[in-house]
Amino acid sequence: MFLTCCLNGVRQRSEHPALPITPLELARDVARVVAAGADAVHIHAKHHAGSDTLDPAILSAALSAIRADSPGLPVGTTTGEWTETEPGSRLAAIARWTVLPDFASVNWHEPGAESIAAALMARGVGVEAGLWTIDAVRTWAASPLRDRCIRVLVELGEGLSASETVAEGDRIVDAVRAFLDSGAPPILLHGQGSSTWPALRHAAALGLQGRIGLEDVLTLPDGRPAADNAALVVAARAR
C-alpha cells in the first residue's frame, strides 16, 4: 500500500506534544516517518503560534528543511479554506510561492476549488482532489480538470463506527469509480478520529492508497496514545 503520512493538520501543539510545527521539527519528523515506512508526506505550514498558513516564506522554509533531510520524497500541503477564507487570497498566496510542494490537496466542496486547482496545475504542482461528499464527487466529475488530478482523496469524518466507515467509504469510492477510466488517478481512502483505522484497513482490502498521521488520529489501533507520527506509521505498516 502507498502510504502518506499527514504530520500535523489543523491541530495545535496542546493536542499532542510531538506535533511538529517549526521547519526543523517537520524535517526531523519527516525523516522518522520515512524510516518507519511512509511513501509521501502531507504537511500544514504554520505560524509559530500553530495556525495554518499559505504564507510563501513559511511554506518555503518548511519545504526546504524537509528536502534537505529527505531529498526526493514527495511532499504535499493543504490549500484548505481555513488558511484564507477568500479564494482570491489563497490564489494570491499560491502565486507568490517561491518553493513549490510536489502536490497540494484541494477540497472540491470549498468555494473556488476549481480555480485553485487550475492555479496549482499551472505552476506544476500536482493536485489531490479532496472529496468528502457525493455532491463534491459530482462537482469534481464535471470539472475539465478531473483527469489531470494526481490523486483522489476520499475523506471520511469523525464519529463513524467501523461498519459505518466501511459503508460510507464504499458509497463514495463507488461514486468516484463511476467516473474514472482505467488509467485515471489513484484513490486514497482515509478517515479522521474514529474512522481512521477502519478506513485504513478498508483501503488495504480494496487495494487503495492510505493515509495516517497526527492530523487524522492521536491513538494507536488499540486505543493507546501514539507517541508520535512514526509510531502511527509503524502501526499502519504492521496492519
C-alpha atoms as a PDB file:
ATOM      1  CA  MET A   1       0.000   0.000   0.000  1.00  0.00           C
ATOM      2  CA  PHE A   2       1.152   3.511  -0.873  1.00  0.00           C
ATOM      3  CA  LEU A   3       1.047   5.304   2.484  1.00  0.00           C
ATOM      4  CA  THR A   4       1.049   9.052   3.051  1.00  0.00           C
ATOM      5  CA  CYS A   5       1.836  10.423   6.496  1.00  0.00           C
ATOM      6  CA  CYS A   6      -0.129  13.571   7.426  1.00  0.00           C
ATOM      7  CA  LEU A   7       2.063  15.144  10.049  1.00  0.00           C
ATOM      8  CA  ASN A   8       0.128  17.933  11.728  1.00  0.00           C
ATOM      9  CA  GLY A   9      -3.075  19.187  10.081  1.00  0.00           C
ATOM     10  CA  VAL A  10      -5.007  21.967  11.776  1.00  0.00           C
ATOM     11  CA  ARG A  11      -4.082  20.704  15.223  1.00  0.00           C
ATOM     12  CA  GLN A  12      -2.347  22.759  17.889  1.00  0.00           C
ATOM     13  CA  ARG A  13       0.628  21.695  19.993  1.00  0.00           C
ATOM     14  CA  SER A  14      -1.666  21.460  23.016  1.00  0.00           C
ATOM     15  CA  GLU A  15      -3.343  18.454  21.382  1.00  0.00           C
ATOM     16  CA  HIS A  16      -0.154  16.376  21.214  1.00  0.00           C
ATOM     17  CA  PRO A  17       3.378  17.137  22.484  1.00  0.00           C
ATOM     18  CA  ALA A  18       5.019  15.559  19.406  1.00  0.00           C
ATOM     19  CA  LEU A  19       3.042  17.595  16.875  1.00  0.00           C
ATOM     20  CA  PRO A  20       5.623  19.191  14.519  1.00  0.00           C
ATOM     21  CA  ILE A  21       5.208  22.895  13.796  1.00  0.00           C
ATOM     22  CA  THR A  22       8.547  24.555  13.005  1.00  0.00           C
ATOM     23  CA  PRO A  23      10.554  23.754   9.860  1.00  0.00           C
ATOM     24  CA  LEU A  24      13.184  21.919  11.916  1.00  0.00           C
ATOM     25  CA  GLU A  25      10.547  19.859  13.712  1.00  0.00           C
ATOM     26  CA  LEU A  26       8.863  18.997  10.424  1.00  0.00           C
ATOM     27  CA  ALA A  27      12.149  17.969   8.811  1.00  0.00           C
ATOM     28  CA  ARG A  28      13.102  15.717  11.718  1.00  0.00           C
ATOM     29  CA  ASP A  29       9.644  14.180  11.878  1.00  0.00           C
ATOM     30  CA  VAL A  30       9.596  13.529   8.133  1.00  0.00           C
ATOM     31  CA  ALA A  31      12.908  11.678   8.357  1.00  0.00           C
ATOM     32  CA  ARG A  32      11.476   9.489  11.122  1.00  0.00           C
ATOM     33  CA  VAL A  33       8.243   8.635   9.298  1.00  0.00           C
ATOM     34  CA  VAL A  34      10.133   7.803   6.103  1.00  0.00           C
ATOM     35  CA  ALA A  35      12.335   5.425   8.095  1.00  0.00           C
ATOM     36  CA  ALA A  36       9.141   3.915   9.522  1.00  0.00           C
ATOM     37  CA  GLY A  37       7.693   3.269   6.066  1.00  0.00           C
ATOM     38  CA  ALA A  38       5.907   6.377   4.754  1.00  0.00           C
ATOM     39  CA  ASP A  39       5.981   6.877   0.964  1.00  0.00           C
ATOM     40  CA  ALA A  40       4.976  10.573   0.974  1.00  0.00           C
ATOM     41  CA  VAL A  41       4.117  13.270   3.488  1.00  0.00           C
ATOM     42  CA  HIS A  42       1.428  15.927   3.774  1.00  0.00           C
ATOM     43  CA  ILE A  43       2.147  18.995   5.914  1.00  0.00           C
ATOM     44  CA  HIS A  44       0.435  22.189   7.001  1.00  0.00           C
ATOM     45  CA  ALA A  45       2.829  25.121   7.183  1.00  0.00           C
ATOM     46  CA  LYS A  46       2.218  27.013  10.403  1.00  0.00           C
ATOM     47  CA  HIS A  47       2.869  30.284  12.145  1.00  0.00           C
ATOM     48  CA  HIS A  48       4.819  29.908  15.397  1.00  0.00           C
ATOM     49  CA  ALA A  49       1.518  30.095  17.265  1.00  0.00           C
ATOM     50  CA  GLY A  50       0.360  26.994  15.391  1.00  0.00           C
ATOM     51  CA  SER A  51      -2.206  28.417  12.971  1.00  0.00           C
ATOM     52  CA  ASP A  52      -2.138  27.193   9.364  1.00  0.00           C
ATOM     53  CA  THR A  53      -0.885  29.475   6.624  1.00  0.00           C
ATOM     54  CA  LEU A  54      -0.135  29.616   2.906  1.00  0.00           C
ATOM     55  CA  ASP A  55       2.467  32.323   3.514  1.00  0.00           C
ATOM     56  CA  PRO A  56       5.270  31.860   0.917  1.00  0.00           C
ATOM     57  CA  ALA A  57       8.129  32.419   3.364  1.00  0.00           C
ATOM     58  CA  ILE A  58       6.800  30.000   5.969  1.00  0.00           C
ATOM     59  CA  LEU A  59       5.965  27.309   3.427  1.00  0.00           C
ATOM     60  CA  SER A  60       9.349  27.744   1.717  1.00  0.00           C
ATOM     61  CA  ALA A  61      11.199  27.330   5.000  1.00  0.00           C
ATOM     62  CA  ALA A  62       9.289  24.140   5.807  1.00  0.00           C
ATOM     63  CA  LEU A  63       9.748  22.587   2.364  1.00  0.00           C
ATOM     64  CA  SER A  64      13.431  23.498   2.174  1.00  0.00           C
ATOM     65  CA  ALA A  65      14.149  21.988   5.599  1.00  0.00           C
ATOM     66  CA  ILE A  66      12.314  18.774   4.714  1.00  0.00           C
ATOM     67  CA  ARG A  67      14.037  18.373   1.361  1.00  0.00           C
ATOM     68  CA  ALA A  68      17.457  18.996   2.852  1.00  0.00           C
ATOM     69  CA  ASP A  69      16.984  15.946   5.114  1.00  0.00           C
ATOM     70  CA  SER A  70      14.764  13.817   2.838  1.00  0.00           C
ATOM     71  CA  PRO A  71      15.624  14.584  -0.787  1.00  0.00           C
ATOM     72  CA  GLY A  72      13.353  13.100  -3.414  1.00  0.00           C
ATOM     73  CA  LEU A  73      10.450  12.446  -1.049  1.00  0.00           C
ATOM     74  CA  PRO A  74       7.050  13.647  -2.372  1.00  0.00           C
ATOM     75  CA  VAL A  75       5.873  16.463  -0.097  1.00  0.00           C
ATOM     76  CA  GLY A  76       2.364  17.878  -0.197  1.00  0.00           C
ATOM     77  CA  THR A  77       0.486  20.647   1.559  1.00  0.00           C
ATOM     78  CA  THR A  78      -3.014  21.976   2.074  1.00  0.00           C
ATOM     79  CA  THR A  79      -4.986  24.746   0.379  1.00  0.00           C
ATOM     80  CA  GLY A  80      -7.935  24.483   2.782  1.00  0.00           C
ATOM     81  CA  GLU A  81     -10.228  27.467   3.130  1.00  0.00           C
ATOM     82  CA  TRP A  82      -9.372  27.777   6.834  1.00  0.00           C
ATOM     83  CA  THR A  83      -5.927  29.084   5.807  1.00  0.00           C
ATOM     84  CA  GLU A  84      -7.501  32.041   3.951  1.00  0.00           C
ATOM     85  CA  THR A  85     -11.286  32.417   3.870  1.00  0.00           C
ATOM     86  CA  GLU A  86     -11.401  34.161   0.494  1.00  0.00           C
ATOM     87  CA  PRO A  87     -10.435  32.068  -2.549  1.00  0.00           C
ATOM     88  CA  GLY A  88      -8.762  35.128  -4.045  1.00  0.00           C
ATOM     89  CA  SER A  89      -6.432  35.372  -1.059  1.00  0.00           C
ATOM     90  CA  ARG A  90      -5.449  31.741  -1.458  1.00  0.00           C
ATOM     91  CA  LEU A  91      -4.837  32.241  -5.172  1.00  0.00           C
ATOM     92  CA  ALA A  92      -2.670  35.268  -4.435  1.00  0.00           C
ATOM     93  CA  ALA A  93      -0.633  33.303  -1.903  1.00  0.00           C
ATOM     94  CA  ILE A  94      -0.117  30.398  -4.316  1.00  0.00           C
ATOM     95  CA  ALA A  95       1.059  32.843  -6.994  1.00  0.00           C
ATOM     96  CA  ARG A  96       3.748  34.097  -4.571  1.00  0.00           C
ATOM     97  CA  TRP A  97       5.090  30.677  -3.590  1.00  0.00           C
ATOM     98  CA  THR A  98       8.821  30.557  -4.313  1.00  0.00           C
ATOM     99  CA  VAL A  99       9.443  26.951  -3.243  1.00  0.00           C
ATOM    100  CA  LEU A 100       6.765  24.634  -4.559  1.00  0.00           C
ATOM    101  CA  PRO A 101       5.346  21.485  -2.959  1.00  0.00           C
ATOM    102  CA  ASP A 102       5.154  18.375  -5.097  1.00  0.00           C
ATOM    103  CA  PHE A 103       1.392  18.259  -4.612  1.00  0.00           C
ATOM    104  CA  ALA A 104      -1.394  20.042  -2.772  1.00  0.00           C
ATOM    105  CA  SER A 105      -4.852  18.959  -1.682  1.00  0.00           C
ATOM    106  CA  VAL A 106      -7.889  20.888  -2.924  1.00  0.00           C
ATOM    107  CA  ASN A 107     -11.207  20.228  -1.199  1.00  0.00           C
ATOM    108  CA  TRP A 108     -13.730  20.232  -4.023  1.00  0.00           C
ATOM    109  CA  HIS A 109     -16.637  21.307  -1.803  1.00  0.00           C
ATOM    110  CA  GLU A 110     -14.919  24.586  -0.933  1.00  0.00           C
ATOM    111  CA  PRO A 111     -15.570  27.840  -2.836  1.00  0.00           C
ATOM    112  CA  GLY A 112     -13.026  28.485  -5.584  1.00  0.00           C
ATOM    113  CA  ALA A 113     -11.755  24.888  -5.644  1.00  0.00           C
ATOM    114  CA  GLU A 114     -11.506  24.653  -9.426  1.00  0.00           C
ATOM    115  CA  SER A 115      -9.661  27.983  -9.755  1.00  0.00           C
ATOM    116  CA  ILE A 116      -7.224  26.964  -7.047  1.00  0.00           C
ATOM    117  CA  ALA A 117      -6.635  23.592  -8.684  1.00  0.00           C
ATOM    118  CA  ALA A 118      -6.019  25.291 -12.031  1.00  0.00           C
ATOM    119  CA  ALA A 119      -3.544  27.712 -10.457  1.00  0.00           C
ATOM    120  CA  LEU A 120      -1.617  24.857  -8.860  1.00  0.00           C
ATOM    121  CA  MET A 121      -1.521  22.884 -12.092  1.00  0.00           C
ATOM    122  CA  ALA A 122      -0.310  25.942 -13.990  1.00  0.00           C
ATOM    123  CA  ARG A 123       2.642  26.123 -11.600  1.00  0.00           C
ATOM    124  CA  GLY A 124       3.437  22.417 -11.983  1.00  0.00           C
ATOM    125  CA  VAL A 125       2.054  21.381  -8.594  1.00  0.00           C
ATOM    126  CA  GLY A 126       0.139  18.103  -8.549  1.00  0.00           C
ATOM    127  CA  VAL A 127      -3.438  18.308  -7.289  1.00  0.00           C
ATOM    128  CA  GLU A 128      -5.123  15.869  -4.926  1.00  0.00           C
ATOM    129  CA  ALA A 129      -8.915  16.213  -5.209  1.00  0.00           C
ATOM    130  CA  GLY A 130     -10.384  16.052  -1.706  1.00  0.00           C
ATOM    131  CA  LEU A 131     -13.878  14.546  -1.970  1.00  0.00           C
ATOM    132  CA  TRP A 132     -15.834  14.452   1.269  1.00  0.00           C
ATOM    133  CA  THR A 133     -19.367  14.044  -0.092  1.00  0.00           C
ATOM    134  CA  ILE A 134     -21.288  12.671  -3.054  1.00  0.00           C
ATOM    135  CA  ASP A 135     -22.092  16.248  -4.103  1.00  0.00           C
ATOM    136  CA  ALA A 136     -18.352  17.001  -4.163  1.00  0.00           C
ATOM    137  CA  VAL A 137     -17.798  13.900  -6.302  1.00  0.00           C
ATOM    138  CA  ARG A 138     -20.364  15.157  -8.820  1.00  0.00           C
ATOM    139  CA  THR A 139     -18.804  18.637  -8.919  1.00  0.00           C
ATOM    140  CA  TRP A 140     -15.325  17.196  -9.408  1.00  0.00           C
ATOM    141  CA  ALA A 141     -16.563  14.742 -12.042  1.00  0.00           C
ATOM    142  CA  ALA A 142     -17.966  17.634 -14.097  1.00  0.00           C
ATOM    143  CA  SER A 143     -14.694  19.571 -13.932  1.00  0.00           C
ATOM    144  CA  PRO A 144     -12.419  19.704 -17.000  1.00  0.00           C
ATOM    145  CA  LEU A 145      -9.541  19.312 -14.530  1.00  0.00           C
ATOM    146  CA  ARG A 146     -10.796  15.961 -13.267  1.00  0.00           C
ATOM    147  CA  ASP A 147      -8.410  13.713 -15.170  1.00  0.00           C
ATOM    148  CA  ARG A 148      -5.425  15.977 -14.501  1.00  0.00           C
ATOM    149  CA  CYS A 149      -5.528  15.346 -10.752  1.00  0.00           C
ATOM    150  CA  ILE A 150      -2.746  13.098  -9.493  1.00  0.00           C
ATOM    151  CA  ARG A 151      -4.874  11.522  -6.780  1.00  0.00           C
ATOM    152  CA  VAL A 152      -8.404  11.443  -5.398  1.00  0.00           C
ATOM    153  CA  LEU A 153      -8.734  11.725  -1.624  1.00  0.00           C
ATOM    154  CA  VAL A 154     -11.887  10.125  -0.288  1.00  0.00           C
ATOM    155  CA  GLU A 155     -12.125  11.634   3.169  1.00  0.00           C
ATOM    156  CA  LEU A 156     -14.366  10.182   5.899  1.00  0.00           C
ATOM    157  CA  GLY A 157     -15.395  12.030   9.023  1.00  0.00           C
ATOM    158  CA  GLU A 158     -15.025  11.700  12.769  1.00  0.00           C
ATOM    159  CA  GLY A 159     -17.663   9.829  14.732  1.00  0.00           C
ATOM    160  CA  LEU A 160     -18.267   6.904  12.363  1.00  0.00           C
ATOM    161  CA  SER A 161     -18.219   3.349  13.690  1.00  0.00           C
ATOM    162  CA  ALA A 162     -16.156   0.698  11.912  1.00  0.00           C
ATOM    163  CA  SER A 163     -19.169  -0.579   9.973  1.00  0.00           C
ATOM    164  CA  GLU A 164     -20.304   2.958   9.122  1.00  0.00           C
ATOM    165  CA  THR A 165     -16.796   3.756   7.906  1.00  0.00           C
ATOM    166  CA  VAL A 166     -16.842   0.802   5.509  1.00  0.00           C
ATOM    167  CA  ALA A 167     -20.324   1.644   4.248  1.00  0.00           C
ATOM    168  CA  GLU A 168     -19.586   5.343   3.717  1.00  0.00           C
ATOM    169  CA  GLY A 169     -16.203   4.576   2.188  1.00  0.00           C
ATOM    170  CA  ASP A 170     -17.785   2.178  -0.292  1.00  0.00           C
ATOM    171  CA  ARG A 171     -20.515   4.687  -1.141  1.00  0.00           C
ATOM    172  CA  ILE A 172     -18.085   7.478  -2.041  1.00  0.00           C
ATOM    173  CA  VAL A 173     -15.439   5.241  -3.645  1.00  0.00           C
ATOM    174  CA  ASP A 174     -18.085   3.654  -5.862  1.00  0.00           C
ATOM    175  CA  ALA A 175     -19.299   7.108  -6.890  1.00  0.00           C
ATOM    176  CA  VAL A 176     -15.750   8.159  -7.778  1.00  0.00           C
ATOM    177  CA  ARG A 177     -15.066   4.957  -9.708  1.00  0.00           C
ATOM    178  CA  ALA A 178     -18.162   5.535 -11.820  1.00  0.00           C
ATOM    179  CA  PHE A 179     -16.328   8.481 -13.416  1.00  0.00           C
ATOM    180  CA  LEU A 180     -12.807   7.055 -13.629  1.00  0.00           C
ATOM    181  CA  ASP A 181     -11.182   5.343 -16.580  1.00  0.00           C
ATOM    182  CA  SER A 182      -8.652   2.575 -16.041  1.00  0.00           C
ATOM    183  CA  GLY A 183      -5.735   4.968 -16.414  1.00  0.00           C
ATOM    184  CA  ALA A 184      -7.216   7.648 -14.155  1.00  0.00           C
ATOM    185  CA  PRO A 185      -5.614   8.862 -10.911  1.00  0.00           C
ATOM    186  CA  PRO A 186      -5.455   6.522  -7.913  1.00  0.00           C
ATOM    187  CA  ILE A 187      -7.836   6.758  -4.960  1.00  0.00           C
ATOM    188  CA  LEU A 188      -6.630   7.321  -1.401  1.00  0.00           C
ATOM    189  CA  LEU A 189      -9.161   6.462   1.301  1.00  0.00           C
ATOM    190  CA  HIS A 190      -8.675   7.845   4.790  1.00  0.00           C
ATOM    191  CA  GLY A 191     -10.633   8.739   7.891  1.00  0.00           C
ATOM    192  CA  GLN A 192     -10.471  11.038  10.872  1.00  0.00           C
ATOM    193  CA  GLY A 193     -10.650  10.158  14.544  1.00  0.00           C
ATOM    194  CA  SER A 194     -12.837   7.084  14.997  1.00  0.00           C
ATOM    195  CA  SER A 195     -12.898   6.301  11.280  1.00  0.00           C
ATOM    196  CA  THR A 196      -9.113   6.433  10.768  1.00  0.00           C
ATOM    197  CA  TRP A 197      -8.072   2.846  11.491  1.00  0.00           C
ATOM    198  CA  PRO A 198     -11.175   1.214   9.950  1.00  0.00           C
ATOM    199  CA  ALA A 199     -10.643   3.340   6.824  1.00  0.00           C
ATOM    200  CA  LEU A 200      -7.008   2.278   6.595  1.00  0.00           C
ATOM    201  CA  ARG A 201      -7.932  -1.393   6.894  1.00  0.00           C
ATOM    202  CA  HIS A 202     -10.656  -0.996   4.279  1.00  0.00           C
ATOM    203  CA  ALA A 203      -8.325   0.866   1.926  1.00  0.00           C
ATOM    204  CA  ALA A 204      -5.915  -2.055   2.116  1.00  0.00           C
ATOM    205  CA  ALA A 205      -8.736  -4.533   1.438  1.00  0.00           C
ATOM    206  CA  LEU A 206      -9.798  -2.527  -1.630  1.00  0.00           C
ATOM    207  CA  GLY A 207      -6.254  -2.089  -2.939  1.00  0.00           C
ATOM    208  CA  LEU A 208      -6.361   1.684  -2.464  1.00  0.00           C
ATOM    209  CA  GLN A 209      -3.801   4.115  -1.106  1.00  0.00           C
ATOM    210  CA  GLY A 210      -3.900   5.013   2.590  1.00  0.00           C
ATOM    211  CA  ARG A 211      -3.005   7.793   4.990  1.00  0.00           C
ATOM    212  CA  ILE A 212      -2.065   8.005   8.660  1.00  0.00           C
ATOM    213  CA  GLY A 213      -0.647  10.650  10.971  1.00  0.00           C
ATOM    214  CA  LEU A 214      -1.395  13.007  13.846  1.00  0.00           C
ATOM    215  CA  GLU A 215      -3.567  15.140  11.567  1.00  0.00           C
ATOM    216  CA  ASP A 216      -6.073  12.277  11.419  1.00  0.00           C
ATOM    217  CA  VAL A 217      -5.705  10.392  14.700  1.00  0.00           C
ATOM    218  CA  LEU A 218      -3.862  10.586  18.035  1.00  0.00           C
ATOM    219  CA  THR A 219      -4.222   6.960  19.085  1.00  0.00           C
ATOM    220  CA  LEU A 220      -2.962   3.544  18.016  1.00  0.00           C
ATOM    221  CA  PRO A 221      -5.379   0.828  16.829  1.00  0.00           C
ATOM    222  CA  ASP A 222      -5.724  -0.499  20.396  1.00  0.00           C
ATOM    223  CA  GLY A 223      -6.682   2.941  21.711  1.00  0.00           C
ATOM    224  CA  ARG A 224      -3.386   3.776  23.392  1.00  0.00           C
ATOM    225  CA  PRO A 225      -1.981   7.268  22.748  1.00  0.00           C
ATOM    226  CA  ALA A 226       0.502   7.319  19.869  1.00  0.00           C
ATOM    227  CA  ALA A 227       3.963   8.560  20.835  1.00  0.00           C
ATOM    228  CA  ASP A 228       4.422  10.357  17.526  1.00  0.00           C
ATOM    229  CA  ASN A 229       3.838  10.154  13.772  1.00  0.00           C
ATOM    230  CA  ALA A 230       6.461   7.437  13.328  1.00  0.00           C
ATOM    231  CA  ALA A 231       4.622   5.207  15.802  1.00  0.00           C
ATOM    232  CA  LEU A 232       1.441   5.623  13.754  1.00  0.00           C
ATOM    233  CA  VAL A 233       3.260   4.684  10.535  1.00  0.00           C
ATOM    234  CA  VAL A 234       4.781   1.614  12.192  1.00  0.00           C
ATOM    235  CA  ALA A 235       1.331   0.536  13.394  1.00  0.00           C
ATOM    236  CA  ALA A 236      -0.153   1.155   9.955  1.00  0.00           C
ATOM    237  CA  ARG A 237       2.513  -0.931   8.238  1.00  0.00           C
ATOM    238  CA  ALA A 238       2.041  -3.701  10.799  1.00  0.00           C
ATOM    239  CA  ARG A 239      -1.642  -3.902   9.850  1.00  0.00           C
END
